[in-house]
Amino acid sequence: MPKSKGKSHKGKRRVYANDAEELKAQQNRDFPPSDEDEESESSEEEGATKAKGVEGLIDIENPNRVQAKAKKIDQLSSDAPAPKVELSRREREEIKRQQDRVKYEKLRAEGKTEEARADLARLAIIRKEREAKAKEREIAKKAAEDKKTTTVKTSAKATTKK
């Protein structure tokens, strides 16, 4: 096999350029900067782009091409809000489910649903039972106090008689 004249690049790492500036730097790395390059760069920076082929000679109006028009701040604020994005069926159903759940919880809190009425009735029964038990405890407590006072009085009478 004959020897190659140039250096072999096999096995080396590849280097990828991220920006256009890096690409230009890599391309111009081998060549010393000249006055022509600086002039062409400055003309590119000004925003003037060279027309390719006959583009500069013929004005062609493409009806399908939409050019972004510069809008003033006043126009942006006065325009209608951005068009509403169409939701998918699943998203619409999920939103409807959430709204229904909130509505049901509100009605339940107001006591207008069957479940809420059943809960309120159950709570009323429990409340009555607790009141009855509290009365029973109060009566039992008074009875215990009366019994203590009567035993104390009887024991006091018995000690005074002796």
N, C-alpha and C. Protein backbone atom coordinates (compact mmCIF):
# COMPACT_ATOMS: atom_id res chain seq x y z
N MET A 1 0.82 -1.18 0.00
CA MET A 1 0.00 0.00 0.00
C MET A 1 0.87 1.25 0.00
N PRO A 2 0.48 2.21 -0.80
CA PRO A 2 1.27 3.44 -0.82
C PRO A 2 0.96 4.30 0.37
N LYS A 3 1.94 5.07 0.75
CA LYS A 3 1.75 5.98 1.88
C LYS A 3 0.89 7.15 1.45
N SER A 4 0.08 7.60 2.39
CA SER A 4 -0.75 8.77 2.07
C SER A 4 0.06 10.02 2.34
N LYS A 5 -0.21 11.05 1.56
CA LYS A 5 0.54 12.29 1.70
C LYS A 5 0.09 13.06 2.93
N GLY A 6 -1.21 13.10 3.16
CA GLY A 6 -1.74 13.90 4.27
C GLY A 6 -1.79 13.10 5.57
N LYS A 7 -2.13 13.80 6.61
CA LYS A 7 -2.21 13.19 7.92
C LYS A 7 -3.56 12.47 8.05
N SER A 8 -3.57 11.31 8.61
CA SER A 8 -4.80 10.54 8.77
C SER A 8 -5.58 11.06 9.98
N HIS A 9 -6.88 11.19 9.81
CA HIS A 9 -7.72 11.68 10.89
C HIS A 9 -8.55 10.57 11.53
N LYS A 10 -8.22 9.34 11.22
CA LYS A 10 -9.00 8.24 11.78
C LYS A 10 -8.78 8.14 13.29
N GLY A 11 -9.86 7.89 14.01
CA GLY A 11 -9.75 7.71 15.45
C GLY A 11 -9.80 9.00 16.24
N LYS A 12 -9.81 10.13 15.56
CA LYS A 12 -9.86 11.40 16.28
C LYS A 12 -11.31 11.73 16.62
N ARG A 13 -11.44 12.58 17.60
CA ARG A 13 -12.76 13.03 18.02
C ARG A 13 -13.32 14.02 17.00
N ARG A 14 -14.63 13.95 16.81
CA ARG A 14 -15.27 14.92 15.93
C ARG A 14 -15.64 16.14 16.74
N VAL A 15 -15.52 17.27 16.14
CA VAL A 15 -15.85 18.52 16.81
C VAL A 15 -17.00 19.15 16.04
N TYR A 16 -18.08 19.47 16.74
CA TYR A 16 -19.25 20.06 16.11
C TYR A 16 -19.34 21.52 16.50
N ALA A 17 -19.66 22.34 15.54
CA ALA A 17 -19.80 23.77 15.80
C ALA A 17 -21.24 24.05 16.19
N ASN A 18 -21.43 24.92 17.20
CA ASN A 18 -22.77 25.24 17.67
C ASN A 18 -23.32 26.49 17.01
N ASP A 19 -22.55 27.49 16.87
CA ASP A 19 -23.02 28.76 16.36
C ASP A 19 -22.47 29.01 14.96
N ALA A 20 -23.11 29.96 14.30
CA ALA A 20 -22.64 30.35 12.97
C ALA A 20 -21.27 31.01 13.08
N GLU A 21 -21.05 31.71 14.19
CA GLU A 21 -19.76 32.37 14.38
C GLU A 21 -18.64 31.33 14.49
N GLU A 22 -18.92 30.25 15.19
CA GLU A 22 -17.91 29.20 15.33
C GLU A 22 -17.62 28.56 13.97
N LEU A 23 -18.67 28.38 13.17
CA LEU A 23 -18.47 27.82 11.84
C LEU A 23 -17.55 28.71 11.00
N LYS A 24 -17.84 30.02 11.04
CA LYS A 24 -17.00 30.96 10.28
C LYS A 24 -15.57 30.92 10.80
N ALA A 25 -15.43 30.84 12.12
CA ALA A 25 -14.09 30.83 12.71
C ALA A 25 -13.33 29.59 12.25
N GLN A 26 -14.03 28.44 12.18
CA GLN A 26 -13.37 27.22 11.74
C GLN A 26 -12.99 27.30 10.25
N GLN A 27 -13.88 27.87 9.45
CA GLN A 27 -13.59 27.96 8.02
C GLN A 27 -12.46 28.94 7.74
N ASN A 28 -12.43 30.03 8.49
CA ASN A 28 -11.42 31.06 8.25
C ASN A 28 -10.13 30.81 9.03
N ARG A 29 -10.08 29.76 9.79
CA ARG A 29 -8.91 29.46 10.61
C ARG A 29 -7.67 29.24 9.75
N ASP A 30 -7.85 28.60 8.60
CA ASP A 30 -6.70 28.28 7.76
C ASP A 30 -6.21 29.49 6.97
N PHE A 31 -7.09 30.47 6.72
CA PHE A 31 -6.73 31.61 5.91
C PHE A 31 -6.52 32.84 6.78
N PRO A 32 -5.52 33.65 6.46
CA PRO A 32 -5.32 34.89 7.23
C PRO A 32 -6.45 35.87 6.88
N PRO A 33 -6.88 36.68 7.82
CA PRO A 33 -7.96 37.63 7.54
C PRO A 33 -7.51 38.66 6.51
N SER A 34 -8.40 39.00 5.62
CA SER A 34 -8.09 39.99 4.60
C SER A 34 -9.11 41.12 4.68
N ASP A 35 -8.86 42.18 3.94
CA ASP A 35 -9.74 43.35 3.96
C ASP A 35 -11.09 43.01 3.34
N GLU A 36 -11.12 42.17 2.35
CA GLU A 36 -12.37 41.82 1.68
C GLU A 36 -13.32 41.11 2.65
N ASP A 37 -12.76 40.24 3.49
CA ASP A 37 -13.60 39.51 4.45
C ASP A 37 -14.26 40.47 5.42
N GLU A 38 -13.51 41.46 5.88
CA GLU A 38 -14.04 42.41 6.84
C GLU A 38 -15.16 43.23 6.21
N GLU A 39 -14.99 43.60 4.94
CA GLU A 39 -16.02 44.38 4.27
C GLU A 39 -17.29 43.54 4.08
N SER A 40 -17.10 42.29 3.70
CA SER A 40 -18.28 41.45 3.47
C SER A 40 -19.00 41.18 4.79
N GLU A 41 -18.25 41.02 5.87
CA GLU A 41 -18.88 40.80 7.17
C GLU A 41 -19.66 42.02 7.61
N SER A 42 -19.11 43.21 7.38
CA SER A 42 -19.80 44.42 7.78
C SER A 42 -21.06 44.62 6.97
N SER A 43 -21.04 44.26 5.69
CA SER A 43 -22.24 44.40 4.87
C SER A 43 -23.30 43.39 5.31
N GLU A 44 -22.89 42.23 5.75
CA GLU A 44 -23.85 41.24 6.26
C GLU A 44 -24.47 41.72 7.56
N GLU A 45 -23.69 42.37 8.38
CA GLU A 45 -24.20 42.86 9.66
C GLU A 45 -25.23 43.96 9.46
N GLU A 46 -25.11 44.71 8.37
CA GLU A 46 -26.04 45.79 8.11
C GLU A 46 -27.41 45.25 7.75
N GLY A 47 -27.54 44.02 7.40
CA GLY A 47 -28.82 43.43 7.08
C GLY A 47 -29.03 43.26 5.59
N ALA A 48 -28.12 43.74 4.77
CA ALA A 48 -28.26 43.60 3.32
C ALA A 48 -27.78 42.20 2.96
N THR A 49 -28.67 41.43 2.34
CA THR A 49 -28.29 40.09 1.92
C THR A 49 -28.20 40.08 0.41
N LYS A 50 -27.26 39.34 -0.08
CA LYS A 50 -27.10 39.25 -1.52
C LYS A 50 -28.18 38.35 -2.08
N ALA A 51 -28.75 38.76 -3.18
CA ALA A 51 -29.76 37.95 -3.84
C ALA A 51 -29.05 36.88 -4.66
N LYS A 52 -29.59 35.69 -4.62
CA LYS A 52 -29.00 34.59 -5.38
C LYS A 52 -29.63 34.55 -6.76
N GLY A 53 -28.84 34.31 -7.72
CA GLY A 53 -29.35 34.16 -9.09
C GLY A 53 -30.03 35.42 -9.58
N VAL A 54 -31.25 35.24 -10.10
CA VAL A 54 -32.00 36.37 -10.66
C VAL A 54 -32.97 36.98 -9.66
N GLU A 55 -32.89 36.59 -8.41
CA GLU A 55 -33.81 37.11 -7.40
C GLU A 55 -33.74 38.62 -7.30
N GLY A 56 -32.54 39.17 -7.42
CA GLY A 56 -32.38 40.61 -7.31
C GLY A 56 -32.93 41.35 -8.51
N LEU A 57 -33.03 40.69 -9.67
CA LEU A 57 -33.49 41.34 -10.89
C LEU A 57 -35.01 41.30 -11.04
N ILE A 58 -35.61 40.21 -10.59
CA ILE A 58 -37.05 40.03 -10.78
C ILE A 58 -37.73 40.07 -9.41
N ASP A 59 -38.79 40.88 -9.29
CA ASP A 59 -39.60 40.89 -8.07
C ASP A 59 -40.70 39.87 -8.23
N ILE A 60 -40.65 38.83 -7.43
CA ILE A 60 -41.66 37.78 -7.51
C ILE A 60 -42.49 37.86 -6.23
N GLU A 61 -43.78 37.92 -6.39
CA GLU A 61 -44.69 37.98 -5.25
C GLU A 61 -45.29 36.60 -5.06
N ASN A 62 -44.94 35.94 -3.99
CA ASN A 62 -45.49 34.63 -3.69
C ASN A 62 -46.70 34.81 -2.80
N PRO A 63 -47.89 34.46 -3.25
CA PRO A 63 -49.09 34.67 -2.44
C PRO A 63 -49.14 33.76 -1.21
N ASN A 64 -48.43 32.68 -1.23
CA ASN A 64 -48.44 31.75 -0.09
C ASN A 64 -47.45 32.14 0.99
N ARG A 65 -46.53 33.02 0.65
CA ARG A 65 -45.50 33.40 1.62
C ARG A 65 -46.06 34.44 2.58
N VAL A 66 -45.94 34.17 3.85
CA VAL A 66 -46.43 35.10 4.87
C VAL A 66 -45.22 35.76 5.50
N GLN A 67 -45.16 37.06 5.36
CA GLN A 67 -44.06 37.80 5.96
C GLN A 67 -44.52 38.38 7.28
N ALA A 68 -43.67 38.28 8.26
CA ALA A 68 -43.99 38.84 9.57
C ALA A 68 -43.92 40.35 9.49
N LYS A 69 -45.03 40.99 9.84
CA LYS A 69 -45.06 42.45 9.81
C LYS A 69 -44.70 42.97 11.20
N ALA A 70 -43.94 44.04 11.21
CA ALA A 70 -43.57 44.63 12.49
C ALA A 70 -44.78 45.36 13.05
N LYS A 71 -45.16 45.01 14.29
CA LYS A 71 -46.31 45.64 14.94
C LYS A 71 -45.82 46.58 16.02
N LYS A 72 -46.57 47.63 16.20
CA LYS A 72 -46.26 48.56 17.27
C LYS A 72 -46.91 48.06 18.55
N ILE A 73 -46.44 48.56 19.66
CA ILE A 73 -46.95 48.14 20.96
C ILE A 73 -48.44 48.46 21.08
N ASP A 74 -48.86 49.59 20.54
CA ASP A 74 -50.27 49.97 20.59
C ASP A 74 -51.13 48.94 19.86
N GLN A 75 -50.64 48.46 18.75
CA GLN A 75 -51.40 47.48 17.97
C GLN A 75 -51.49 46.16 18.70
N LEU A 76 -50.42 45.77 19.38
CA LEU A 76 -50.41 44.50 20.09
C LEU A 76 -51.43 44.49 21.22
N SER A 77 -51.50 45.60 21.97
CA SER A 77 -52.41 45.63 23.10
C SER A 77 -53.86 45.75 22.65
N SER A 78 -54.12 46.40 21.51
CA SER A 78 -55.49 46.59 21.07
C SER A 78 -56.03 45.37 20.34
N ASP A 79 -55.15 44.53 19.82
CA ASP A 79 -55.61 43.34 19.12
C ASP A 79 -56.33 42.40 20.08
N ALA A 80 -57.19 41.59 19.53
CA ALA A 80 -57.91 40.61 20.33
C ALA A 80 -56.90 39.63 20.92
N PRO A 81 -57.25 38.99 22.02
CA PRO A 81 -56.32 38.03 22.60
C PRO A 81 -56.02 36.89 21.62
N ALA A 82 -54.97 36.18 21.92
CA ALA A 82 -54.54 35.10 21.05
C ALA A 82 -55.69 34.14 20.81
N PRO A 83 -55.77 33.54 19.63
CA PRO A 83 -56.87 32.63 19.35
C PRO A 83 -56.88 31.47 20.33
N LYS A 84 -58.07 31.06 20.68
CA LYS A 84 -58.23 30.00 21.67
C LYS A 84 -57.71 28.69 21.09
N VAL A 85 -56.94 27.97 21.87
CA VAL A 85 -56.39 26.71 21.43
C VAL A 85 -57.46 25.65 21.59
N GLU A 86 -57.67 24.88 20.58
CA GLU A 86 -58.68 23.82 20.62
C GLU A 86 -58.18 22.70 21.52
N LEU A 87 -58.98 22.32 22.51
CA LEU A 87 -58.59 21.27 23.45
C LEU A 87 -58.96 19.91 22.88
N SER A 88 -58.22 18.91 23.29
CA SER A 88 -58.55 17.56 22.85
C SER A 88 -59.76 17.06 23.64
N ARG A 89 -60.34 15.98 23.18
CA ARG A 89 -61.54 15.43 23.82
C ARG A 89 -61.24 15.05 25.27
N ARG A 90 -60.12 14.44 25.51
CA ARG A 90 -59.77 14.02 26.88
C ARG A 90 -59.61 15.22 27.80
N GLU A 91 -58.96 16.26 27.28
CA GLU A 91 -58.78 17.47 28.11
C GLU A 91 -60.11 18.11 28.43
N ARG A 92 -61.02 18.17 27.41
CA ARG A 92 -62.35 18.74 27.66
C ARG A 92 -63.11 17.92 28.70
N GLU A 93 -63.04 16.59 28.58
CA GLU A 93 -63.74 15.74 29.54
C GLU A 93 -63.17 15.91 30.95
N GLU A 94 -61.86 16.04 31.06
CA GLU A 94 -61.22 16.22 32.37
C GLU A 94 -61.66 17.53 33.00
N ILE A 95 -61.70 18.59 32.22
CA ILE A 95 -62.13 19.89 32.74
C ILE A 95 -63.59 19.83 33.16
N LYS A 96 -64.42 19.16 32.37
CA LYS A 96 -65.85 19.04 32.71
C LYS A 96 -66.02 18.23 34.00
N ARG A 97 -65.24 17.18 34.15
CA ARG A 97 -65.29 16.36 35.37
C ARG A 97 -64.93 17.20 36.60
N GLN A 98 -63.88 18.00 36.48
CA GLN A 98 -63.47 18.84 37.61
C GLN A 98 -64.55 19.87 37.95
N GLN A 99 -65.16 20.46 36.93
CA GLN A 99 -66.22 21.44 37.17
C GLN A 99 -67.42 20.78 37.83
N ASP A 100 -67.78 19.58 37.38
CA ASP A 100 -68.91 18.86 37.98
C ASP A 100 -68.62 18.52 39.44
N ARG A 101 -67.39 18.12 39.74
CA ARG A 101 -67.03 17.76 41.10
C ARG A 101 -67.12 18.98 42.02
N VAL A 102 -66.65 20.13 41.53
CA VAL A 102 -66.72 21.37 42.33
C VAL A 102 -68.17 21.76 42.56
N LYS A 103 -68.98 21.63 41.53
CA LYS A 103 -70.41 21.97 41.65
C LYS A 103 -71.10 21.05 42.66
N TYR A 104 -70.79 19.76 42.60
CA TYR A 104 -71.39 18.79 43.52
C TYR A 104 -70.98 19.09 44.96
N GLU A 105 -69.70 19.40 45.17
CA GLU A 105 -69.23 19.71 46.54
C GLU A 105 -69.92 20.95 47.08
N LYS A 106 -70.15 21.92 46.21
CA LYS A 106 -70.84 23.15 46.63
C LYS A 106 -72.27 22.83 47.04
N LEU A 107 -72.97 22.04 46.21
CA LEU A 107 -74.35 21.66 46.54
C LEU A 107 -74.40 20.83 47.82
N ARG A 108 -73.42 19.98 47.99
CA ARG A 108 -73.39 19.14 49.19
C ARG A 108 -73.18 19.98 50.44
N ALA A 109 -72.31 20.98 50.32
CA ALA A 109 -72.07 21.87 51.46
C ALA A 109 -73.33 22.65 51.82
N GLU A 110 -74.14 22.97 50.81
CA GLU A 110 -75.39 23.68 51.07
C GLU A 110 -76.49 22.74 51.56
N GLY A 111 -76.27 21.42 51.46
CA GLY A 111 -77.25 20.45 51.93
C GLY A 111 -78.34 20.17 50.92
N LYS A 112 -78.06 20.34 49.64
CA LYS A 112 -79.08 20.16 48.62
C LYS A 112 -79.03 18.80 47.93
N THR A 113 -78.06 17.96 48.25
CA THR A 113 -77.99 16.64 47.62
C THR A 113 -78.56 15.59 48.56
N GLU A 114 -78.92 14.45 48.00
CA GLU A 114 -79.48 13.35 48.81
C GLU A 114 -78.47 12.89 49.85
N GLU A 115 -77.23 12.78 49.44
CA GLU A 115 -76.17 12.33 50.36
C GLU A 115 -76.02 13.31 51.52
N ALA A 116 -76.07 14.60 51.21
CA ALA A 116 -75.93 15.61 52.26
C ALA A 116 -77.11 15.55 53.23
N ARG A 117 -78.33 15.36 52.68
CA ARG A 117 -79.51 15.26 53.55
C ARG A 117 -79.40 14.05 54.47
N ALA A 118 -78.92 12.93 53.93
CA ALA A 118 -78.76 11.72 54.75
C ALA A 118 -77.72 11.97 55.85
N ASP A 119 -76.63 12.63 55.49
CA ASP A 119 -75.59 12.94 56.48
C ASP A 119 -76.13 13.85 57.58
N LEU A 120 -76.89 14.87 57.21
CA LEU A 120 -77.44 15.79 58.20
C LEU A 120 -78.43 15.08 59.13
N ALA A 121 -79.24 14.18 58.55
CA ALA A 121 -80.18 13.43 59.38
C ALA A 121 -79.43 12.54 60.36
N ARG A 122 -78.39 11.87 59.89
CA ARG A 122 -77.58 11.00 60.76
C ARG A 122 -76.92 11.83 61.86
N LEU A 123 -76.42 13.00 61.52
CA LEU A 123 -75.80 13.87 62.52
C LEU A 123 -76.81 14.35 63.55
N ALA A 124 -78.04 14.63 63.11
CA ALA A 124 -79.08 15.06 64.04
C ALA A 124 -79.40 13.95 65.04
N ILE A 125 -79.48 12.72 64.57
CA ILE A 125 -79.74 11.57 65.46
C ILE A 125 -78.61 11.42 66.47
N ILE A 126 -77.38 11.51 65.99
CA ILE A 126 -76.22 11.37 66.89
C ILE A 126 -76.22 12.49 67.92
N ARG A 127 -76.55 13.71 67.49
CA ARG A 127 -76.59 14.84 68.41
C ARG A 127 -77.62 14.61 69.53
N LYS A 128 -78.80 14.11 69.15
CA LYS A 128 -79.83 13.83 70.15
C LYS A 128 -79.37 12.76 71.13
N GLU A 129 -78.73 11.71 70.61
CA GLU A 129 -78.23 10.63 71.48
C GLU A 129 -77.20 11.18 72.46
N ARG A 130 -76.31 12.02 71.99
CA ARG A 130 -75.29 12.59 72.87
C ARG A 130 -75.91 13.48 73.94
N GLU A 131 -76.93 14.27 73.55
CA GLU A 131 -77.61 15.12 74.54
C GLU A 131 -78.28 14.25 75.60
N ALA A 132 -78.91 13.16 75.18
CA ALA A 132 -79.58 12.27 76.14
C ALA A 132 -78.55 11.65 77.08
N LYS A 133 -77.41 11.21 76.55
CA LYS A 133 -76.37 10.61 77.39
C LYS A 133 -75.80 11.66 78.35
N ALA A 134 -75.65 12.89 77.87
CA ALA A 134 -75.13 13.95 78.74
C ALA A 134 -76.11 14.22 79.89
N LYS A 135 -77.41 14.22 79.60
CA LYS A 135 -78.42 14.40 80.67
C LYS A 135 -78.35 13.26 81.67
N GLU A 136 -78.21 12.04 81.14
CA GLU A 136 -78.12 10.87 82.03
C GLU A 136 -76.89 10.99 82.93
N ARG A 137 -75.77 11.40 82.38
CA ARG A 137 -74.56 11.55 83.19
C ARG A 137 -74.75 12.64 84.24
N GLU A 138 -75.41 13.73 83.85
CA GLU A 138 -75.66 14.82 84.80
C GLU A 138 -76.55 14.33 85.95
N ILE A 139 -77.57 13.59 85.60
CA ILE A 139 -78.47 13.04 86.64
C ILE A 139 -77.71 12.08 87.53
N ALA A 140 -76.88 11.23 86.93
CA ALA A 140 -76.11 10.27 87.72
C ALA A 140 -75.13 11.00 88.62
N LYS A 141 -74.55 12.07 88.13
CA LYS A 141 -73.60 12.86 88.91
C LYS A 141 -74.29 13.51 90.11
N LYS A 142 -75.48 14.08 89.85
CA LYS A 142 -76.24 14.70 90.95
C LYS A 142 -76.65 13.65 91.98
N ALA A 143 -77.04 12.48 91.48
CA ALA A 143 -77.44 11.40 92.39
C ALA A 143 -76.26 10.97 93.26
N ALA A 144 -75.08 10.90 92.65
CA ALA A 144 -73.89 10.51 93.40
C ALA A 144 -73.56 11.56 94.45
N GLU A 145 -73.70 12.86 94.06
CA GLU A 145 -73.44 13.93 95.03
C GLU A 145 -74.46 13.89 96.17
N ASP A 146 -75.72 13.68 95.83
CA ASP A 146 -76.76 13.60 96.87
C ASP A 146 -76.49 12.43 97.80
N LYS A 147 -76.07 11.34 97.24
CA LYS A 147 -75.78 10.16 98.05
C LYS A 147 -74.61 10.43 98.98
N LYS A 148 -73.58 11.13 98.46
CA LYS A 148 -72.42 11.46 99.29
C LYS A 148 -72.83 12.41 100.42
N THR A 149 -73.58 13.41 100.07
CA THR A 149 -73.99 14.38 101.09
C THR A 149 -74.90 13.73 102.13
N THR A 150 -75.74 12.82 101.70
CA THR A 150 -76.61 12.15 102.68
C THR A 150 -75.80 11.21 103.55
N THR A 151 -74.80 10.55 103.00
CA THR A 151 -73.98 9.66 103.82
C THR A 151 -73.12 10.47 104.77
N VAL A 152 -72.68 11.63 104.31
CA VAL A 152 -71.86 12.48 105.17
C VAL A 152 -72.73 13.02 106.31
N LYS A 153 -73.96 13.43 106.00
CA LYS A 153 -74.86 13.96 107.03
C LYS A 153 -75.23 12.87 108.04
N THR A 154 -75.49 11.67 107.55
CA THR A 154 -75.86 10.60 108.45
C THR A 154 -74.68 10.19 109.32
N SER A 155 -73.49 10.22 108.73
CA SER A 155 -72.31 9.86 109.54
C SER A 155 -72.03 10.97 110.56
N ALA A 156 -72.31 12.21 110.16
CA ALA A 156 -72.10 13.33 111.07
C ALA A 156 -73.10 13.24 112.21
N LYS A 157 -74.32 12.87 111.96
CA LYS A 157 -75.35 12.72 112.99
C LYS A 157 -74.99 11.56 113.93
N ALA A 158 -74.46 10.48 113.35
CA ALA A 158 -74.10 9.33 114.14
C ALA A 158 -72.94 9.66 115.06
N THR A 159 -72.00 10.43 114.65
CA THR A 159 -70.87 10.78 115.49
C THR A 159 -71.28 11.76 116.59
N THR A 160 -72.23 12.64 116.30
CA THR A 160 -72.68 13.60 117.31
C THR A 160 -73.52 12.91 118.38
N LYS A 161 -74.24 11.86 118.10
CA LYS A 161 -75.04 11.14 119.06
C LYS A 161 -74.20 10.34 120.01
N LYS A 162 -73.12 9.89 119.65
CA LYS A 162 -72.28 9.06 120.48
C LYS A 162 -71.69 9.89 121.55
